């Protein structure tokens, strides 16, 4: 039973690594959303700017255009199949 509980708690433990503390004013912040700089004083984080998760890096517009194109081809195929039946 402890193995299941440990696996469920593991993602929660990893969240502490995503925070940084400003060396100037001691303010805790998430560098992913501030470009790797403190939002109060502008001091850069020692580890640099973090990479965004892949869900924020993908271009959603091109993903939507691709989905629209696939749906259009599927609808065209369906119309042609029903027309020639």
C-alpha atoms as a PDB file:
ATOM      1  CA  UNK A   1       0.000   0.000   0.000  1.00  0.00           C
ATOM      2  CA  UNK A   2       2.901   2.389   0.686  1.00  0.00           C
ATOM      3  CA  UNK A   3       4.148   1.961  -2.879  1.00  0.00           C
ATOM      4  CA  UNK A   4       0.878   3.326  -4.262  1.00  0.00           C
ATOM      5  CA  UNK A   5       0.903   6.244  -1.824  1.00  0.00           C
ATOM      6  CA  UNK A   6       4.520   7.069  -2.710  1.00  0.00           C
ATOM      7  CA  UNK A   7       3.720   7.097  -6.417  1.00  0.00           C
ATOM      8  CA  UNK A   8       0.797   9.432  -5.830  1.00  0.00           C
ATOM      9  CA  UNK A   9       2.891  11.792  -3.698  1.00  0.00           C
ATOM     10  CA  UNK A  10       5.867  11.860  -6.085  1.00  0.00           C
ATOM     11  CA  UNK A  11       4.467  14.565  -8.431  1.00  0.00           C
ATOM     12  CA  UNK A  12       3.655  16.737  -5.425  1.00  0.00           C
ATOM     13  CA  UNK A  13       7.247  16.538  -4.164  1.00  0.00           C
ATOM     14  CA  UNK A  14       8.619  17.700  -7.515  1.00  0.00           C
ATOM     15  CA  UNK A  15       6.755  21.006  -7.321  1.00  0.00           C
ATOM     16  CA  UNK A  16       9.158  22.468  -4.766  1.00  0.00           C
ATOM     17  CA  UNK A  17      11.949  22.463  -7.377  1.00  0.00           C
ATOM     18  CA  UNK A  18       9.977  24.791  -9.612  1.00  0.00           C
ATOM     19  CA  UNK A  19      10.174  27.694  -7.174  1.00  0.00           C
ATOM     20  CA  UNK A  20      13.109  30.054  -6.778  1.00  0.00           C
ATOM     21  CA  UNK A  21      14.025  32.611  -4.159  1.00  0.00           C
ATOM     22  CA  UNK A  22      15.337  36.063  -5.049  1.00  0.00           C
ATOM     23  CA  UNK A  23      18.808  36.720  -3.577  1.00  0.00           C
ATOM     24  CA  UNK A  24      18.016  40.434  -3.126  1.00  0.00           C
ATOM     25  CA  UNK A  25      14.706  40.464  -1.262  1.00  0.00           C
ATOM     26  CA  UNK A  26      14.021  36.800  -0.365  1.00  0.00           C
ATOM     27  CA  UNK A  27      10.807  36.671  -2.423  1.00  0.00           C
ATOM     28  CA  UNK A  28       9.670  33.194  -3.554  1.00  0.00           C
ATOM     29  CA  UNK A  29       8.418  33.046  -7.143  1.00  0.00           C
ATOM     30  CA  UNK A  30       7.956  30.713 -10.106  1.00  0.00           C
ATOM     31  CA  UNK A  31      10.679  31.547 -12.678  1.00  0.00           C
ATOM     32  CA  UNK A  32       8.756  29.759 -15.439  1.00  0.00           C
ATOM     33  CA  UNK A  33       6.161  32.542 -15.494  1.00  0.00           C
ATOM     34  CA  UNK A  34       8.492  35.500 -14.972  1.00  0.00           C
ATOM     35  CA  UNK A  35      11.153  34.769 -17.590  1.00  0.00           C
ATOM     36  CA  UNK A  36      13.703  33.667 -15.004  1.00  0.00           C
ATOM     37  CA  UNK A  37      13.743  37.041 -13.233  1.00  0.00           C
ATOM     38  CA  UNK A  38      12.355  38.242  -9.930  1.00  0.00           C
ATOM     39  CA  UNK A  39       9.077  40.131 -10.526  1.00  0.00           C
ATOM     40  CA  UNK A  40       9.898  42.670  -7.797  1.00  0.00           C
ATOM     41  CA  UNK A  41      13.499  43.694  -8.449  1.00  0.00           C
ATOM     42  CA  UNK A  42      14.354  42.085 -11.819  1.00  0.00           C
ATOM     43  CA  UNK A  43      17.271  40.042 -10.455  1.00  0.00           C
ATOM     44  CA  UNK A  44      18.005  36.985 -12.622  1.00  0.00           C
ATOM     45  CA  UNK A  45      17.757  33.491 -11.143  1.00  0.00           C
ATOM     46  CA  UNK A  46      21.093  31.678 -10.806  1.00  0.00           C
ATOM     47  CA  UNK A  47      19.864  28.689 -12.822  1.00  0.00           C
ATOM     48  CA  UNK A  48      18.715  30.893 -15.710  1.00  0.00           C
ATOM     49  CA  UNK A  49      15.430  30.940 -17.539  1.00  0.00           C
ATOM     50  CA  UNK A  50      13.659  27.570 -17.309  1.00  0.00           C
ATOM     51  CA  UNK A  51      12.200  25.776 -20.301  1.00  0.00           C
ATOM     52  CA  UNK A  52       8.441  25.800 -20.613  1.00  0.00           C
ATOM     53  CA  UNK A  53       6.512  22.521 -20.584  1.00  0.00           C
ATOM     54  CA  UNK A  54       5.777  21.100 -24.032  1.00  0.00           C
ATOM     55  CA  UNK A  55       2.080  21.961 -23.671  1.00  0.00           C
ATOM     56  CA  UNK A  56       2.998  25.645 -23.529  1.00  0.00           C
ATOM     57  CA  UNK A  57       5.658  25.423 -26.255  1.00  0.00           C
ATOM     58  CA  UNK A  58       3.439  23.996 -29.011  1.00  0.00           C
ATOM     59  CA  UNK A  59       1.814  26.351 -31.469  1.00  0.00           C
ATOM     60  CA  UNK A  60      -1.879  25.883 -30.796  1.00  0.00           C
ATOM     61  CA  UNK A  61      -2.923  27.766 -33.925  1.00  0.00           C
ATOM     62  CA  UNK A  62      -1.116  25.333 -36.224  1.00  0.00           C
ATOM     63  CA  UNK A  63      -2.532  22.437 -34.201  1.00  0.00           C
ATOM     64  CA  UNK A  64      -6.056  23.814 -34.748  1.00  0.00           C
ATOM     65  CA  UNK A  65      -5.421  24.306 -38.482  1.00  0.00           C
ATOM     66  CA  UNK A  66      -4.216  20.697 -38.756  1.00  0.00           C
ATOM     67  CA  UNK A  67      -7.294  19.443 -36.899  1.00  0.00           C
ATOM     68  CA  UNK A  68      -9.546  21.505 -39.159  1.00  0.00           C
ATOM     69  CA  UNK A  69      -7.850  20.071 -42.242  1.00  0.00           C
ATOM     70  CA  UNK A  70      -8.285  16.494 -40.965  1.00  0.00           C
ATOM     71  CA  UNK A  71     -11.962  17.074 -40.200  1.00  0.00           C
ATOM     72  CA  UNK A  72     -12.465  18.611 -43.653  1.00  0.00           C
ATOM     73  CA  UNK A  73     -10.896  15.595 -45.378  1.00  0.00           C
ATOM     74  CA  UNK A  74     -13.017  13.235 -43.257  1.00  0.00           C
ATOM     75  CA  UNK A  75     -16.215  15.113 -44.107  1.00  0.00           C
ATOM     76  CA  UNK A  76     -15.324  15.186 -47.815  1.00  0.00           C
ATOM     77  CA  UNK A  77     -14.678  11.448 -47.748  1.00  0.00           C
ATOM     78  CA  UNK A  78     -17.977  10.807 -45.979  1.00  0.00           C
ATOM     79  CA  UNK A  79     -19.908  12.910 -48.504  1.00  0.00           C
ATOM     80  CA  UNK A  80     -18.293  11.125 -51.452  1.00  0.00           C
ATOM     81  CA  UNK A  81     -18.960   7.678 -49.961  1.00  0.00           C
ATOM     82  CA  UNK A  82     -22.623   8.496 -49.340  1.00  0.00           C
ATOM     83  CA  UNK A  83     -23.027  10.132 -52.779  1.00  0.00           C
ATOM     84  CA  UNK A  84     -21.703   7.168 -54.746  1.00  0.00           C
ATOM     85  CA  UNK A  85     -23.558   4.534 -52.773  1.00  0.00           C
END
